[in-house]
Protein backbone atom coordinates (compact mmCIF):
# COMPACT_ATOMS: atom_id res chain seq x y z
CA MET A 1 0.26 -0.23 0.31
CA LYS A 2 0.89 3.68 -0.70
CA THR A 3 1.69 6.15 1.94
CA THR A 4 0.55 9.57 1.31
CA GLN A 5 3.54 12.20 3.17
CA LYS A 6 2.34 15.20 4.97
CA ILE A 7 3.69 18.70 4.16
CA PRO A 8 4.25 19.79 7.58
CA LYS A 9 2.33 22.88 8.65
CA THR A 10 5.47 24.89 9.79
CA PHE A 11 6.62 24.09 6.05
CA ILE A 12 3.11 26.11 4.81
CA GLY A 13 3.79 29.26 7.29
CA PHE A 14 6.97 29.60 6.61
CA LEU A 15 6.41 29.59 2.69
CA ILE A 16 3.07 31.67 3.33
CA ALA A 17 5.03 34.13 5.97
CA SER A 18 8.15 34.46 2.49
CA PHE A 19 5.29 35.56 0.18
CA PHE A 20 4.66 38.05 2.43
CA ILE A 21 7.39 39.45 3.05
CA TRP A 22 8.20 39.12 -0.60
CA LEU A 23 5.35 40.77 -1.65
CA LEU A 24 6.23 43.93 1.27
CA ILE A 25 9.61 44.50 0.12
CA THR A 26 8.66 44.23 -3.85
CA PHE A 27 5.13 46.99 -3.14
CA SER A 28 7.76 48.87 -1.42
CA LYS A 29 9.56 50.00 -3.75
CA GLU A 30 9.01 53.08 -6.47
CA TYR A 31 7.58 52.54 -9.62
CA SER A 32 7.46 54.30 -12.60
CA THR A 33 4.30 53.62 -14.57
CA VAL A 34 1.09 55.45 -16.45
CA ILE A 35 -2.28 55.33 -15.27
CA THR A 36 -5.26 57.01 -16.85
CA CYS A 37 -7.57 59.15 -14.97
CA PRO A 38 -10.93 60.22 -15.97
CA VAL A 39 -11.65 64.68 -16.05
CA ASN A 40 -13.91 66.60 -15.62
CA TYR A 41 -13.94 70.22 -17.10
CA ILE A 42 -14.97 72.81 -14.56
CA ASN A 43 -15.20 76.89 -14.92
CA ILE A 44 -16.54 77.10 -18.38
CA GLN A 45 -17.49 80.48 -19.22
CA GLN A 46 -20.43 80.70 -18.48
CA ASP A 47 -22.37 82.66 -22.07
CA LYS A 48 -20.51 79.15 -23.97
CA LEU A 49 -21.68 75.64 -23.51
CA LEU A 50 -20.65 72.28 -24.62
CA GLN A 51 -21.37 71.37 -28.13
CA GLU A 52 -19.77 67.80 -28.27
CA THR A 53 -18.27 65.78 -25.24
CA PRO A 54 -15.02 65.65 -25.42
CA ILE A 55 -12.10 63.56 -24.45
CA LYS A 56 -13.39 61.94 -20.99
CA GLN A 57 -9.75 60.41 -19.67
CA ILE A 58 -6.32 61.37 -19.85
CA ASP A 59 -3.25 59.70 -19.46
CA ILE A 60 -0.44 60.80 -16.78
CA ALA A 61 2.96 59.48 -15.98
CA VAL A 62 3.42 59.07 -11.99
CA LYS A 63 6.01 57.87 -9.63
CA SER A 64 5.74 56.11 -6.14
CA SER A 65 5.76 53.02 -4.30
CA GLY A 66 3.67 50.25 -5.71
CA PHE A 67 1.57 50.10 -2.99
CA LYS A 68 0.43 53.62 -3.24
CA LEU A 69 0.11 53.04 -6.98
CA LEU A 70 -2.11 50.15 -7.00
CA ARG A 71 -4.69 52.51 -4.48
CA SER A 72 -4.75 54.53 -7.46
CA LYS A 73 -5.49 52.01 -9.98
CA ILE A 74 -8.22 50.45 -8.19
CA TYR A 75 -9.42 54.37 -6.58
CA ASN A 76 -9.20 56.09 -9.61
CA LYS A 77 -9.38 59.96 -8.61
CA THR A 78 -11.30 62.47 -11.68
CA ILE A 79 -9.17 65.88 -12.50
CA ASN A 80 -10.88 69.06 -12.81
CA LEU A 81 -9.33 70.62 -15.93
CA GLU A 82 -9.59 74.46 -15.54
CA SER A 83 -11.40 75.68 -18.24
CA SER A 84 -12.24 78.92 -18.12
CA VAL A 85 -9.24 80.34 -20.38
CA LEU A 86 -9.28 78.48 -23.62
CA GLN A 87 -7.28 79.25 -26.80
CA ARG A 88 -9.72 79.51 -29.98
CA LYS A 89 -8.73 77.60 -32.69
CA LYS A 90 -11.50 78.17 -35.47
CA GLY A 91 -15.02 79.34 -35.42
CA SER A 92 -16.65 76.83 -32.14
CA LYS A 93 -13.43 74.71 -31.77
CA TYR A 94 -11.03 75.69 -28.43
CA TYR A 95 -8.74 74.23 -26.97
CA LEU A 96 -6.54 74.46 -23.76
CA LEU A 97 -3.22 73.06 -23.02
CA VAL A 98 -2.94 70.44 -20.24
CA LYS A 99 0.68 70.49 -19.56
CA ASN A 100 -0.06 74.34 -18.21
CA GLN A 101 -2.09 72.36 -15.27
CA PHE A 102 1.16 70.39 -14.35
CA THR A 103 0.80 71.86 -10.64
CA LYS A 104 -2.78 71.64 -10.26
CA ILE A 105 -3.09 68.20 -11.37
CA GLN A 106 -0.10 67.36 -9.04
CA LYS A 107 -2.09 69.10 -6.40
CA GLN A 108 -5.58 66.66 -7.41
CA LEU A 109 -3.19 63.65 -6.76
CA LYS A 110 -3.23 61.49 -3.71
CA SER A 111 -0.25 62.02 -1.36
CA GLY A 112 3.51 60.37 -2.06
CA ILE A 113 2.01 60.57 -6.04
CA GLN A 114 4.75 62.08 -7.67
CA LEU A 115 3.54 63.07 -11.38
CA GLN A 116 6.16 62.69 -13.82
CA GLU A 117 4.57 64.15 -17.02
CA ILE A 118 1.23 65.19 -18.82
CA LEU A 119 0.78 62.56 -21.92
CA GLN A 120 -2.06 64.67 -24.15
CA ASP A 121 -0.70 67.76 -24.68
CA THR A 122 -4.12 69.39 -25.90
CA ILE A 123 -7.03 68.93 -25.57
CA TYR A 124 -9.91 70.55 -28.27
CA LEU A 125 -13.26 71.93 -27.59
CA ASN A 126 -16.02 72.46 -29.38
CA LEU A 127 -17.84 75.56 -27.44
CA GLY A 128 -21.35 76.90 -28.92
CA LEU A 129 -22.49 80.60 -27.77
CA LEU A 130 -25.47 79.81 -25.30
CA LYS A 131 -27.88 81.46 -26.46
CA SER A 132 -32.16 80.95 -25.33
CA LYS A 133 -34.99 81.70 -27.39
CA LYS A 134 -39.50 80.86 -27.31
CA VAL A 135 -40.80 78.15 -29.40
CA VAL A 136 -44.26 77.26 -30.04
CA LEU A 137 -45.47 73.59 -28.52
CA LYS A 138 -47.35 71.59 -31.15
CA PRO A 139 -49.46 68.59 -29.37
CA ASP A 140 -50.44 65.62 -31.85
CA LEU A 141 -54.18 64.33 -31.03
CA ASP A 142 -55.69 61.25 -32.91
CA ILE A 143 -59.12 61.74 -31.34
CA LYS A 144 -62.12 59.61 -32.19
CA TYR A 145 -65.41 61.50 -30.90
CA GLN A 146 -68.92 59.39 -30.29
CA ILE A 147 -70.95 59.50 -33.07
CA GLY A 148 -72.95 63.77 -32.01
CA TYR A 149 -69.83 64.93 -30.85
CA ALA A 150 -67.13 67.21 -31.62
CA LEU A 151 -64.88 69.15 -30.08
CA LEU A 152 -66.03 72.89 -29.45
CA GLY A 153 -63.60 75.93 -29.95
CA ASP A 154 -59.68 75.50 -30.53
CA ILE A 155 -57.69 72.70 -28.60
CA LYS A 156 -55.57 74.42 -25.67
CA VAL A 157 -51.90 73.92 -24.95
CA VAL A 158 -50.81 75.54 -21.29
CA PRO A 159 -48.20 76.88 -21.88
CA ASP A 160 -48.58 76.94 -25.36
CA SER A 161 -44.65 77.70 -25.66
CA ILE A 162 -41.24 77.68 -23.71
CA VAL A 163 -37.94 78.97 -23.94
CA ILE A 164 -34.87 76.81 -24.71
CA SER A 165 -31.29 77.34 -24.02
CA GLY A 166 -28.56 76.28 -26.00
CA PRO A 167 -25.95 76.73 -28.21
CA GLU A 168 -26.56 79.54 -30.93
CA ASP A 169 -26.36 76.87 -34.34
CA GLN A 170 -28.39 74.27 -32.46
CA LEU A 171 -30.94 76.43 -31.49
CA LYS A 172 -31.35 77.95 -35.14
CA LYS A 173 -32.92 74.49 -36.74
CA ILE A 174 -35.86 74.66 -33.94
CA THR A 175 -38.91 76.22 -35.16
CA SER A 176 -41.10 74.03 -33.26
CA LEU A 177 -41.18 71.40 -30.53
CA ASN A 178 -43.75 68.07 -30.69
CA LEU A 179 -45.52 67.38 -27.51
CA LYS A 180 -45.80 63.25 -27.18
CA LYS A 181 -49.10 61.67 -29.10
CA ILE A 182 -52.31 61.34 -27.37
CA THR A 183 -54.95 58.92 -28.50
CA LEU A 184 -58.61 59.10 -27.44
CA ASN A 185 -61.78 56.98 -28.88
CA ASP A 186 -65.05 57.47 -28.39
CA LEU A 187 -64.71 60.74 -26.78
CA LYS A 188 -67.71 62.69 -25.20
CA GLU A 189 -66.61 64.97 -22.62
CA ASN A 190 -64.27 67.55 -21.91
CA PHE A 191 -60.20 66.50 -21.82
CA SER A 192 -57.40 67.27 -20.32
CA GLU A 193 -53.75 65.18 -20.55
CA GLU A 194 -50.55 65.99 -19.37
CA VAL A 195 -47.65 65.19 -22.09
CA GLN A 196 -43.85 65.37 -22.52
CA ILE A 197 -42.11 67.31 -25.01
CA VAL A 198 -40.91 64.70 -27.45
CA GLU A 199 -37.40 63.31 -26.11
CA GLN A 200 -36.01 63.05 -30.03
CA THR A 201 -36.66 67.41 -30.40
CA LYS A 202 -34.42 67.89 -27.60
CA GLY A 203 -31.03 68.43 -29.28
CA LYS A 204 -28.05 67.30 -27.00
CA ASN A 205 -26.92 70.78 -24.10
CA LEU A 206 -30.57 72.19 -25.03
CA LYS A 207 -31.85 72.91 -21.90
CA PHE A 208 -35.95 73.44 -21.73
CA SER A 209 -37.83 76.07 -19.28
CA THR A 210 -40.55 72.36 -18.74
CA ALA A 211 -40.35 69.07 -20.07
CA LYS A 212 -44.16 68.90 -20.33
CA ALA A 213 -47.45 70.85 -21.26
CA THR A 214 -51.13 70.42 -20.31
CA VAL A 215 -53.11 69.28 -23.48
CA SER A 216 -57.10 70.20 -23.30
CA GLY A 217 -60.33 70.81 -24.98
CA ASN A 218 -64.16 71.21 -25.28
CA VAL A 219 -65.94 68.43 -26.17
CA GLU A 220 -69.96 69.37 -26.82
CA ARG A 221 -72.81 67.06 -28.08
CA PHE A 222 -73.37 69.39 -31.89
CA THR A 223 -76.84 69.00 -34.15
CA GLU A 224 -77.65 70.03 -37.24
CA GLY A 225 -80.08 73.74 -38.02
CA ARG A 226 -81.53 75.01 -41.30
CA LEU A 227 -82.52 78.56 -41.57
CA LYS A 228 -84.19 80.23 -44.81
CA ILE A 229 -82.04 83.34 -45.25
CA PRO A 230 -82.69 86.06 -47.51
CA PHE A 231 -79.55 87.04 -50.06
CA ILE A 232 -78.31 90.40 -51.55
CA THR A 233 -77.81 90.26 -55.14
CA LYS A 234 -74.24 92.72 -55.34
CA ASN A 235 -72.44 94.75 -58.44
CA LEU A 236 -75.83 94.91 -60.22
CA PRO A 237 -76.07 98.00 -63.22
CA ASP A 238 -78.75 100.04 -62.93
CA HIS A 239 -80.04 99.39 -66.55
CA ILE A 240 -80.32 95.15 -65.31
CA ASN A 241 -83.83 94.00 -64.45
CA LEU A 242 -83.41 90.56 -62.52
CA THR A 243 -85.53 88.24 -61.61
CA THR A 244 -84.52 84.93 -60.14
CA LEU A 245 -86.57 81.65 -59.20
CA SER A 246 -86.25 82.95 -55.28
CA ASP A 247 -85.44 85.41 -53.19
CA ASN A 248 -83.98 83.00 -50.50
CA VAL A 249 -81.74 80.01 -49.45
CA GLU A 250 -81.33 77.43 -47.03
CA VAL A 251 -78.43 77.75 -45.05
CA VAL A 252 -77.71 74.06 -43.15
CA PHE A 253 -75.25 74.44 -40.11
CA ILE A 254 -73.42 72.48 -37.47
CA VAL A 255 -73.78 74.03 -34.51
CA ALA A 256 -73.10 72.85 -30.57
CA LEU A 257 -76.29 72.12 -28.88
CA SER A 258 -75.76 74.65 -26.20
CA ASN A 259 -75.39 77.70 -28.99
CA PHE A 260 -78.59 76.21 -30.73
CA THR A 261 -80.68 79.19 -29.21
CA LYS A 262 -77.94 81.92 -30.49
CA VAL A 263 -78.33 81.01 -34.05
CA SER A 264 -81.08 82.87 -35.80
CA GLU A 265 -81.96 84.40 -39.83
CA ALA A 266 -79.91 87.82 -38.98
CA SER A 267 -76.70 85.50 -38.00
CA PHE A 268 -75.60 84.59 -41.70
CA THR A 269 -75.36 86.84 -44.36
CA VAL A 270 -75.86 85.86 -48.01
CA GLU A 271 -74.45 87.54 -51.47
CA CYS A 272 -74.15 86.99 -55.04
CA ASP A 273 -72.55 88.94 -57.19
CA PHE A 274 -73.38 89.23 -60.36
CA GLU A 275 -70.18 90.96 -61.86
CA ILE A 276 -68.77 87.09 -61.46
CA SER A 277 -71.64 85.51 -63.39
CA GLU A 278 -71.21 88.34 -65.68
CA LYS A 279 -67.43 87.61 -66.74
CA ASN A 280 -68.22 84.15 -66.89
CA ASN A 281 -70.73 84.08 -68.74
CA LEU A 282 -73.20 82.40 -66.52
CA SER A 283 -76.99 82.17 -66.62
CA TYR A 284 -76.73 81.56 -62.53
CA LEU A 285 -75.74 83.17 -59.50
CA ILE A 286 -73.39 81.90 -57.13
CA PRO A 287 -74.85 82.24 -53.39
CA LYS A 288 -71.70 83.01 -50.37
CA VAL A 289 -71.91 83.52 -46.71
CA THR A 290 -70.02 86.29 -46.03
CA THR A 291 -70.90 86.89 -42.26
CA LYS A 292 -71.72 84.00 -39.67
CA PRO A 293 -71.11 83.43 -35.92
CA ASP A 294 -67.74 82.45 -35.01
CA PHE A 295 -69.28 79.60 -33.04
CA ILE A 296 -70.73 77.92 -36.35
CA LYS A 297 -68.39 74.37 -36.98
CA SER A 298 -69.64 73.62 -40.37
CA PHE A 299 -72.28 75.20 -43.00
CA LYS A 300 -73.59 74.34 -46.58
CA ILE A 301 -76.00 76.19 -49.14
CA VAL A 302 -78.85 75.07 -50.87
CA PRO A 303 -79.03 75.48 -53.64
CA THR A 304 -75.55 76.18 -54.75
CA LYS A 305 -76.53 78.55 -57.91
CA ILE A 306 -79.68 80.36 -58.34
CA ASP A 307 -81.40 80.91 -61.71
CA PHE A 308 -81.86 84.20 -63.49
CA LEU A 309 -83.69 86.38 -66.20
CA ILE A 310 -82.23 89.27 -67.28
CA GLN A 311 -85.18 91.94 -68.34
CA LYS A 312 -84.08 94.80 -70.17
């Protein structure tokens, strides 16, 4: 039978102790290495705004003990880059010289880490002039009304416009902002919906005075009415005696039930322009409604042509 020889515990303990002594000696020595640090751009002028995201990290050469270098790589500190004074390259392109901030970067590193070199010499920034403008909010509605019902008046959007701020180049392209779509079915009562501005219309680095608006409308039952309205013939020469088969037309109108009693014969003016018929060599007049109440939803005239005879 084979016998297994046990490793003495003292030997294992000696091996572990030797490893830790070696580790301590190794990481106590000084080393030079390159570490990557995330960066943050601070103190950009208030009238300017980043139009594109600049580089998010820089590489720096440092010197320190192994322990401190290991800790700095595990817990990477964000470096603040002073951006109040920039050099202009062309148009909206600016740049900062990172090497000019050697001392400021050194102060931000952990104690015991010595900055030797900044590998990025220049960082470019695309800055736009910060402006503000007022733009209209546009609702997007898909409404199906119950039979006999319809919108009374106009759709209301509150606020109907908002102030947006951002780079001037981006603002020039925006004339209005869309609101998220509202879908309503079988509607027969007033509605009010709070909706967000559509995300696709939001450009980079744009700020909105508000991110939402309330869209509302009054809905009412509508009915049909009919009235006989006498028409007026205008531009008729004095020497022409015109005879028509009727002195009236029928105006068929659609109106909200609450406004029905407000409509009377005096609410409409119907005119026929003899000059149009004469110029076009027509044997009939064309009646047109020239005045009507604003709350009338729609209307039509019956008949659409009025035959006439000329007696000289």
